[in-house]
Amino acid sequence: MTEHNYLYLWLVKDAFMTQKILFCSISLLLTSMLFNNCTKEEPGTPIYPENCANYLVGTYSGTDYCSASGQTPYSCSIIASTPVNITISHLGGVTVNAILDCEKNTLTIPAQTFAGNFTITGSGTYTANRIVINWSGVSSGIPMNCNTTYTR
């Protein structure tokens, strides 16, 4: 074999190795991108464990927007009753119980009746620092539809 043939074989071998390295690098990059896309969570949407009530415990600032009375700002506290139940100290002027769905970050306020025959029911969503509840009530026979937003 001549020197020219050795040079040719070396260049072919070098080109093959370069292609192999390039292919492996691209494969590694694509695998990394795929893994990162699969593990990202949406901003503002926490992933809580089954005991999500403890993550909502605390003091919030709230504002009711009601069809009958307009806006009413106030503070409220949330207490965990069980791993998926919370007590909200002030919603429509009363303390209500809510049931959490930890997988969907939603809550349900089952129908509850208070003094003066005031009833309330509703549902909402939550993140780590914000709770939004749509609820309806009846006070002295007068229906009301409200939206309450709590923020930490």
N, C-alpha and C. Protein backbone atom coordinates (compact mmCIF):
# COMPACT_ATOMS: atom_id res chain seq x y z
N MET A 1 0.83 -1.17 0.00
CA MET A 1 0.00 0.00 0.00
C MET A 1 0.88 1.24 0.00
N THR A 2 0.43 2.19 -0.72
CA THR A 2 1.20 3.42 -0.80
C THR A 2 0.80 4.36 0.32
N GLU A 3 1.61 5.38 0.46
CA GLU A 3 1.31 6.39 1.50
C GLU A 3 -0.02 7.07 1.22
N HIS A 4 -0.32 7.24 -0.05
CA HIS A 4 -1.59 7.85 -0.45
C HIS A 4 -2.78 7.01 0.02
N ASN A 5 -2.66 5.66 -0.10
CA ASN A 5 -3.72 4.77 0.33
C ASN A 5 -3.92 4.82 1.85
N TYR A 6 -2.80 4.89 2.59
CA TYR A 6 -2.90 4.99 4.05
C TYR A 6 -3.59 6.29 4.45
N LEU A 7 -3.25 7.37 3.78
CA LEU A 7 -3.88 8.66 4.05
C LEU A 7 -5.37 8.59 3.75
N TYR A 8 -5.72 7.97 2.64
CA TYR A 8 -7.12 7.82 2.26
C TYR A 8 -7.88 7.01 3.32
N LEU A 9 -7.32 5.87 3.76
CA LEU A 9 -7.97 5.04 4.77
C LEU A 9 -8.12 5.79 6.10
N TRP A 10 -7.10 6.55 6.43
CA TRP A 10 -7.16 7.33 7.67
C TRP A 10 -8.26 8.38 7.59
N LEU A 11 -8.40 9.07 6.46
CA LEU A 11 -9.46 10.08 6.27
C LEU A 11 -10.84 9.44 6.30
N VAL A 12 -10.99 8.30 5.67
CA VAL A 12 -12.29 7.60 5.68
C VAL A 12 -12.63 7.17 7.09
N LYS A 13 -11.65 6.61 7.80
CA LYS A 13 -11.86 6.18 9.18
C LYS A 13 -12.19 7.39 10.06
N ASP A 14 -11.48 8.51 9.88
CA ASP A 14 -11.71 9.73 10.65
C ASP A 14 -13.11 10.28 10.36
N ALA A 15 -13.55 10.27 9.11
CA ALA A 15 -14.88 10.75 8.73
C ALA A 15 -15.95 9.85 9.36
N PHE A 16 -15.71 8.54 9.37
CA PHE A 16 -16.65 7.61 9.98
C PHE A 16 -16.78 7.88 11.47
N MET A 17 -15.66 8.10 12.16
CA MET A 17 -15.67 8.38 13.59
C MET A 17 -16.37 9.71 13.87
N THR A 18 -16.15 10.70 13.03
CA THR A 18 -16.80 12.00 13.20
C THR A 18 -18.31 11.84 13.07
N GLN A 19 -18.76 11.08 12.08
CA GLN A 19 -20.19 10.82 11.93
C GLN A 19 -20.77 10.09 13.13
N LYS A 20 -20.01 9.13 13.63
CA LYS A 20 -20.46 8.35 14.78
C LYS A 20 -20.59 9.25 16.02
N ILE A 21 -19.61 10.11 16.25
CA ILE A 21 -19.65 11.04 17.38
C ILE A 21 -20.81 12.01 17.21
N LEU A 22 -20.99 12.53 16.00
CA LEU A 22 -22.09 13.46 15.73
C LEU A 22 -23.44 12.78 15.97
N PHE A 23 -23.60 11.54 15.50
CA PHE A 23 -24.84 10.81 15.70
C PHE A 23 -25.12 10.59 17.19
N CYS A 24 -24.10 10.19 17.94
CA CYS A 24 -24.28 9.98 19.39
C CYS A 24 -24.62 11.28 20.10
N SER A 25 -23.99 12.37 19.71
CA SER A 25 -24.27 13.67 20.34
C SER A 25 -25.70 14.10 20.08
N ILE A 26 -26.15 13.94 18.84
CA ILE A 26 -27.53 14.31 18.50
C ILE A 26 -28.52 13.42 19.24
N SER A 27 -28.24 12.14 19.33
CA SER A 27 -29.11 11.22 20.06
C SER A 27 -29.22 11.62 21.53
N LEU A 28 -28.08 11.94 22.13
CA LEU A 28 -28.07 12.35 23.53
C LEU A 28 -28.86 13.65 23.72
N LEU A 29 -28.69 14.60 22.82
CA LEU A 29 -29.41 15.87 22.89
C LEU A 29 -30.92 15.65 22.77
N LEU A 30 -31.34 14.85 21.81
CA LEU A 30 -32.78 14.59 21.63
C LEU A 30 -33.36 13.86 22.83
N THR A 31 -32.63 12.91 23.39
CA THR A 31 -33.10 12.20 24.58
C THR A 31 -33.26 13.16 25.74
N SER A 32 -32.30 14.04 25.90
CA SER A 32 -32.36 15.04 26.98
C SER A 32 -33.55 15.97 26.79
N MET A 33 -33.79 16.42 25.57
CA MET A 33 -34.92 17.32 25.31
C MET A 33 -36.24 16.61 25.57
N LEU A 34 -36.35 15.36 25.16
CA LEU A 34 -37.57 14.60 25.39
C LEU A 34 -37.83 14.42 26.87
N PHE A 35 -36.79 14.07 27.63
CA PHE A 35 -36.93 13.89 29.07
C PHE A 35 -37.37 15.19 29.74
N ASN A 36 -36.76 16.30 29.38
CA ASN A 36 -37.12 17.59 29.97
C ASN A 36 -38.55 17.98 29.65
N ASN A 37 -39.01 17.71 28.44
CA ASN A 37 -40.39 18.05 28.07
C ASN A 37 -41.40 17.19 28.81
N CYS A 38 -41.03 15.97 29.12
CA CYS A 38 -41.95 15.08 29.82
C CYS A 38 -42.06 15.40 31.30
N THR A 39 -41.06 16.03 31.87
CA THR A 39 -41.09 16.26 33.31
C THR A 39 -41.45 17.68 33.70
N LYS A 40 -41.68 18.56 32.75
CA LYS A 40 -42.03 19.94 33.10
C LYS A 40 -43.44 20.00 33.64
N GLU A 41 -43.66 20.87 34.60
CA GLU A 41 -45.02 21.11 35.08
C GLU A 41 -45.40 22.52 34.71
N GLU A 42 -46.67 22.76 34.54
CA GLU A 42 -47.17 24.06 34.16
C GLU A 42 -46.92 25.05 35.29
N PRO A 43 -46.53 26.28 34.97
CA PRO A 43 -46.34 27.27 36.03
C PRO A 43 -47.65 27.57 36.75
N GLY A 44 -47.56 27.73 38.05
CA GLY A 44 -48.76 28.05 38.82
C GLY A 44 -49.62 26.85 39.15
N THR A 45 -49.27 25.69 38.70
CA THR A 45 -50.05 24.50 38.99
C THR A 45 -49.22 23.55 39.83
N PRO A 46 -49.39 23.59 41.14
CA PRO A 46 -48.59 22.72 41.98
C PRO A 46 -49.04 21.27 41.88
N ILE A 47 -48.12 20.40 42.15
CA ILE A 47 -48.47 18.98 42.22
C ILE A 47 -48.32 18.60 43.68
N TYR A 48 -49.45 18.45 44.34
CA TYR A 48 -49.46 18.16 45.76
C TYR A 48 -49.56 16.66 45.99
N PRO A 49 -49.10 16.22 47.14
CA PRO A 49 -49.32 14.81 47.50
C PRO A 49 -50.79 14.60 47.86
N GLU A 50 -51.13 13.39 48.23
CA GLU A 50 -52.52 13.10 48.59
C GLU A 50 -53.02 13.97 49.73
N ASN A 51 -52.16 14.36 50.64
CA ASN A 51 -52.54 15.22 51.75
C ASN A 51 -52.34 16.68 51.34
N CYS A 52 -53.20 17.19 50.47
CA CYS A 52 -53.00 18.53 49.93
C CYS A 52 -53.59 19.62 50.83
N ALA A 53 -54.41 19.27 51.80
CA ALA A 53 -55.03 20.27 52.66
C ALA A 53 -53.98 21.07 53.43
N ASN A 54 -52.93 20.41 53.89
CA ASN A 54 -51.90 21.11 54.66
C ASN A 54 -51.21 22.20 53.86
N TYR A 55 -51.14 22.06 52.55
CA TYR A 55 -50.48 23.06 51.71
C TYR A 55 -51.31 24.33 51.56
N LEU A 56 -52.58 24.26 51.87
CA LEU A 56 -53.45 25.44 51.74
C LEU A 56 -53.65 26.16 53.06
N VAL A 57 -53.20 25.57 54.16
CA VAL A 57 -53.38 26.17 55.48
C VAL A 57 -52.68 27.53 55.53
N GLY A 58 -53.39 28.52 56.10
CA GLY A 58 -52.77 29.83 56.26
C GLY A 58 -53.78 30.95 56.24
N THR A 59 -53.26 32.16 56.19
CA THR A 59 -54.09 33.37 56.16
C THR A 59 -54.09 33.93 54.75
N TYR A 60 -55.25 34.32 54.28
CA TYR A 60 -55.44 34.84 52.93
C TYR A 60 -56.15 36.19 52.99
N SER A 61 -55.99 36.96 51.93
CA SER A 61 -56.82 38.14 51.70
C SER A 61 -57.87 37.72 50.70
N GLY A 62 -59.12 38.05 50.98
CA GLY A 62 -60.19 37.63 50.09
C GLY A 62 -61.04 38.79 49.62
N THR A 63 -61.64 38.60 48.47
CA THR A 63 -62.59 39.57 47.94
C THR A 63 -63.74 38.82 47.32
N ASP A 64 -64.96 39.16 47.75
CA ASP A 64 -66.17 38.58 47.16
C ASP A 64 -66.68 39.53 46.07
N TYR A 65 -67.07 38.97 44.96
CA TYR A 65 -67.77 39.72 43.92
C TYR A 65 -69.14 39.06 43.79
N CYS A 66 -70.15 39.72 44.32
CA CYS A 66 -71.49 39.14 44.34
C CYS A 66 -72.45 39.96 43.48
N SER A 67 -73.40 39.26 42.88
CA SER A 67 -74.38 39.92 42.03
C SER A 67 -75.26 40.89 42.83
N ALA A 68 -75.50 40.60 44.09
CA ALA A 68 -76.40 41.43 44.89
C ALA A 68 -75.71 42.58 45.62
N SER A 69 -74.42 42.40 45.98
CA SER A 69 -73.81 43.40 46.85
C SER A 69 -72.50 44.01 46.36
N GLY A 70 -71.97 43.61 45.23
CA GLY A 70 -70.71 44.17 44.76
C GLY A 70 -69.52 43.54 45.44
N GLN A 71 -68.43 44.32 45.66
CA GLN A 71 -67.19 43.80 46.22
C GLN A 71 -67.13 43.99 47.74
N THR A 72 -66.59 42.98 48.40
CA THR A 72 -66.37 43.06 49.84
C THR A 72 -65.01 42.44 50.16
N PRO A 73 -63.98 43.26 50.47
CA PRO A 73 -62.67 42.69 50.83
C PRO A 73 -62.62 42.29 52.32
N TYR A 74 -61.85 41.25 52.64
CA TYR A 74 -61.72 40.78 54.02
C TYR A 74 -60.56 39.81 54.11
N SER A 75 -60.19 39.42 55.33
CA SER A 75 -59.17 38.38 55.50
C SER A 75 -59.85 37.08 55.91
N CYS A 76 -59.17 35.99 55.68
CA CYS A 76 -59.73 34.68 56.01
C CYS A 76 -58.60 33.73 56.37
N SER A 77 -58.93 32.69 57.10
CA SER A 77 -57.96 31.65 57.46
C SER A 77 -58.48 30.32 56.96
N ILE A 78 -57.53 29.47 56.58
CA ILE A 78 -57.87 28.12 56.16
C ILE A 78 -57.19 27.14 57.10
N ILE A 79 -57.98 26.18 57.57
CA ILE A 79 -57.50 25.15 58.49
C ILE A 79 -57.73 23.79 57.82
N ALA A 80 -56.78 22.88 57.97
CA ALA A 80 -56.94 21.52 57.45
C ALA A 80 -57.71 20.69 58.46
N SER A 81 -58.82 20.09 58.03
CA SER A 81 -59.61 19.22 58.89
C SER A 81 -59.17 17.76 58.76
N THR A 82 -58.93 17.35 57.53
CA THR A 82 -58.43 16.02 57.19
C THR A 82 -57.45 16.21 56.04
N PRO A 83 -56.83 15.17 55.52
CA PRO A 83 -55.90 15.34 54.39
C PRO A 83 -56.53 15.96 53.14
N VAL A 84 -57.85 15.85 52.99
CA VAL A 84 -58.50 16.41 51.80
C VAL A 84 -59.67 17.33 52.13
N ASN A 85 -59.79 17.74 53.38
CA ASN A 85 -60.87 18.65 53.78
C ASN A 85 -60.28 19.89 54.43
N ILE A 86 -60.85 21.05 54.09
CA ILE A 86 -60.42 22.30 54.73
C ILE A 86 -61.63 23.03 55.26
N THR A 87 -61.37 23.93 56.21
CA THR A 87 -62.39 24.83 56.72
C THR A 87 -61.95 26.25 56.37
N ILE A 88 -62.83 26.98 55.71
CA ILE A 88 -62.56 28.36 55.30
C ILE A 88 -63.30 29.26 56.28
N SER A 89 -62.57 30.14 56.96
CA SER A 89 -63.16 30.90 58.06
C SER A 89 -64.15 31.97 57.62
N HIS A 90 -64.11 32.37 56.37
CA HIS A 90 -64.99 33.46 55.96
C HIS A 90 -65.30 33.35 54.48
N LEU A 91 -66.45 32.87 54.16
CA LEU A 91 -66.92 32.84 52.77
C LEU A 91 -68.38 33.24 52.83
N GLY A 92 -68.70 34.38 52.29
CA GLY A 92 -70.06 34.88 52.40
C GLY A 92 -70.44 35.19 53.84
N GLY A 93 -69.45 35.46 54.66
CA GLY A 93 -69.70 35.80 56.06
C GLY A 93 -69.83 34.62 56.99
N VAL A 94 -69.63 33.40 56.48
CA VAL A 94 -69.76 32.21 57.32
C VAL A 94 -68.53 31.31 57.17
N THR A 95 -68.36 30.38 58.09
CA THR A 95 -67.28 29.40 58.02
C THR A 95 -67.82 28.17 57.32
N VAL A 96 -67.15 27.79 56.22
CA VAL A 96 -67.63 26.67 55.41
C VAL A 96 -66.59 25.57 55.35
N ASN A 97 -67.06 24.38 55.05
CA ASN A 97 -66.20 23.21 54.85
C ASN A 97 -66.09 22.94 53.36
N ALA A 98 -64.90 22.54 52.91
CA ALA A 98 -64.69 22.23 51.50
C ALA A 98 -63.94 20.91 51.37
N ILE A 99 -64.20 20.21 50.28
CA ILE A 99 -63.55 18.94 49.97
C ILE A 99 -62.60 19.18 48.80
N LEU A 100 -61.35 18.74 48.94
CA LEU A 100 -60.34 18.95 47.91
C LEU A 100 -60.16 17.74 47.02
N ASP A 101 -59.89 17.98 45.75
CA ASP A 101 -59.45 16.94 44.82
C ASP A 101 -57.99 17.25 44.53
N CYS A 102 -57.08 16.53 45.19
CA CYS A 102 -55.65 16.82 45.13
C CYS A 102 -55.06 16.62 43.73
N GLU A 103 -55.62 15.73 42.94
CA GLU A 103 -55.10 15.47 41.60
C GLU A 103 -55.48 16.57 40.62
N LYS A 104 -56.64 17.17 40.80
CA LYS A 104 -57.12 18.19 39.86
C LYS A 104 -56.96 19.61 40.38
N ASN A 105 -56.52 19.76 41.64
CA ASN A 105 -56.40 21.08 42.29
C ASN A 105 -57.74 21.82 42.25
N THR A 106 -58.80 21.09 42.61
CA THR A 106 -60.13 21.68 42.68
C THR A 106 -60.71 21.46 44.07
N LEU A 107 -61.74 22.23 44.38
CA LEU A 107 -62.44 22.04 45.64
C LEU A 107 -63.94 22.12 45.41
N THR A 108 -64.68 21.47 46.30
CA THR A 108 -66.13 21.49 46.26
C THR A 108 -66.64 21.91 47.62
N ILE A 109 -67.58 22.84 47.61
CA ILE A 109 -68.26 23.23 48.85
C ILE A 109 -69.65 22.62 48.77
N PRO A 110 -69.87 21.54 49.53
CA PRO A 110 -71.19 20.92 49.51
C PRO A 110 -72.22 21.87 50.14
N ALA A 111 -73.48 21.68 49.81
CA ALA A 111 -74.54 22.54 50.36
C ALA A 111 -74.48 22.55 51.88
N GLN A 112 -74.49 23.76 52.44
CA GLN A 112 -74.44 23.95 53.89
C GLN A 112 -75.45 25.02 54.27
N THR A 113 -76.11 24.83 55.41
CA THR A 113 -77.11 25.79 55.89
C THR A 113 -76.67 26.38 57.22
N PHE A 114 -76.87 27.68 57.37
CA PHE A 114 -76.43 28.42 58.55
C PHE A 114 -77.61 29.16 59.18
N ALA A 115 -77.32 29.89 60.24
CA ALA A 115 -78.36 30.66 60.95
C ALA A 115 -79.08 31.59 59.97
N GLY A 116 -80.37 31.82 60.22
CA GLY A 116 -81.16 32.67 59.34
C GLY A 116 -81.52 31.99 58.04
N ASN A 117 -81.36 30.67 57.99
CA ASN A 117 -81.68 29.88 56.82
C ASN A 117 -80.83 30.27 55.60
N PHE A 118 -79.60 30.74 55.85
CA PHE A 118 -78.66 31.08 54.79
C PHE A 118 -78.02 29.79 54.30
N THR A 119 -78.07 29.52 53.00
CA THR A 119 -77.45 28.33 52.42
C THR A 119 -76.34 28.75 51.46
N ILE A 120 -75.39 27.87 51.30
CA ILE A 120 -74.26 28.13 50.41
C ILE A 120 -73.78 26.83 49.80
N THR A 121 -73.35 26.88 48.54
CA THR A 121 -72.77 25.75 47.83
C THR A 121 -71.85 26.30 46.75
N GLY A 122 -70.83 25.53 46.34
CA GLY A 122 -69.95 26.05 45.30
C GLY A 122 -68.81 25.12 44.94
N SER A 123 -67.93 25.63 44.08
CA SER A 123 -66.75 24.88 43.65
C SER A 123 -65.68 25.86 43.24
N GLY A 124 -64.44 25.35 43.13
CA GLY A 124 -63.35 26.24 42.75
C GLY A 124 -62.08 25.51 42.42
N THR A 125 -61.03 26.31 42.22
CA THR A 125 -59.71 25.80 41.90
C THR A 125 -58.69 26.45 42.83
N TYR A 126 -57.51 25.84 42.94
CA TYR A 126 -56.49 26.43 43.79
C TYR A 126 -55.09 26.16 43.25
N THR A 127 -54.18 27.06 43.62
CA THR A 127 -52.75 26.88 43.41
C THR A 127 -52.10 27.11 44.77
N ALA A 128 -50.80 27.18 44.83
CA ALA A 128 -50.12 27.35 46.11
C ALA A 128 -50.47 28.66 46.80
N ASN A 129 -50.78 29.71 46.03
CA ASN A 129 -51.00 31.02 46.62
C ASN A 129 -52.32 31.67 46.25
N ARG A 130 -53.20 30.93 45.59
CA ARG A 130 -54.46 31.54 45.14
C ARG A 130 -55.58 30.50 45.12
N ILE A 131 -56.74 30.91 45.60
CA ILE A 131 -57.93 30.05 45.57
C ILE A 131 -59.06 30.87 44.95
N VAL A 132 -59.74 30.30 43.98
CA VAL A 132 -60.87 30.97 43.34
C VAL A 132 -62.09 30.08 43.51
N ILE A 133 -63.15 30.64 44.10
CA ILE A 133 -64.36 29.87 44.37
C ILE A 133 -65.57 30.56 43.74
N ASN A 134 -66.34 29.81 42.99
CA ASN A 134 -67.64 30.28 42.49
C ASN A 134 -68.69 29.64 43.37
N TRP A 135 -69.51 30.46 43.98
CA TRP A 135 -70.50 29.91 44.90
C TRP A 135 -71.82 30.65 44.76
N SER A 136 -72.84 29.96 45.20
CA SER A 136 -74.17 30.57 45.22
C SER A 136 -74.77 30.36 46.60
N GLY A 137 -75.65 31.24 46.95
CA GLY A 137 -76.29 31.16 48.25
C GLY A 137 -77.70 31.72 48.19
N VAL A 138 -78.42 31.47 49.24
CA VAL A 138 -79.76 32.03 49.40
C VAL A 138 -79.83 32.60 50.80
N SER A 139 -80.14 33.90 50.87
CA SER A 139 -80.25 34.57 52.16
C SER A 139 -81.62 35.23 52.25
N SER A 140 -82.41 34.79 53.23
CA SER A 140 -83.78 35.31 53.41
C SER A 140 -84.57 35.18 52.12
N GLY A 141 -84.39 34.07 51.42
CA GLY A 141 -85.13 33.82 50.19
C GLY A 141 -84.57 34.53 48.97
N ILE A 142 -83.54 35.32 49.13
CA ILE A 142 -82.96 36.06 48.00
C ILE A 142 -81.71 35.32 47.51
N PRO A 143 -81.72 34.88 46.25
CA PRO A 143 -80.56 34.16 45.72
C PRO A 143 -79.40 35.13 45.42
N MET A 144 -78.20 34.61 45.55
CA MET A 144 -77.01 35.39 45.22
C MET A 144 -75.99 34.49 44.55
N ASN A 145 -75.28 35.04 43.57
CA ASN A 145 -74.20 34.33 42.88
C ASN A 145 -72.93 35.12 43.08
N CYS A 146 -71.89 34.44 43.56
CA CYS A 146 -70.66 35.13 43.92
C CYS A 146 -69.43 34.42 43.41
N ASN A 147 -68.36 35.18 43.32
CA ASN A 147 -67.03 34.68 43.00
C ASN A 147 -66.10 35.26 44.05
N THR A 148 -65.35 34.41 44.72
CA THR A 148 -64.42 34.85 45.74
C THR A 148 -63.01 34.43 45.34
N THR A 149 -62.07 35.36 45.49
CA THR A 149 -60.67 35.09 45.21
C THR A 149 -59.88 35.32 46.50
N TYR A 150 -59.13 34.30 46.90
CA TYR A 150 -58.24 34.40 48.08
C TYR A 150 -56.81 34.38 47.57
N THR A 151 -55.97 35.26 48.10
CA THR A 151 -54.54 35.26 47.77
C THR A 151 -53.74 35.34 49.07
N ARG A 152 -52.56 34.75 49.05
CA ARG A 152 -51.67 34.82 50.23
C ARG A 152 -50.82 36.06 50.12
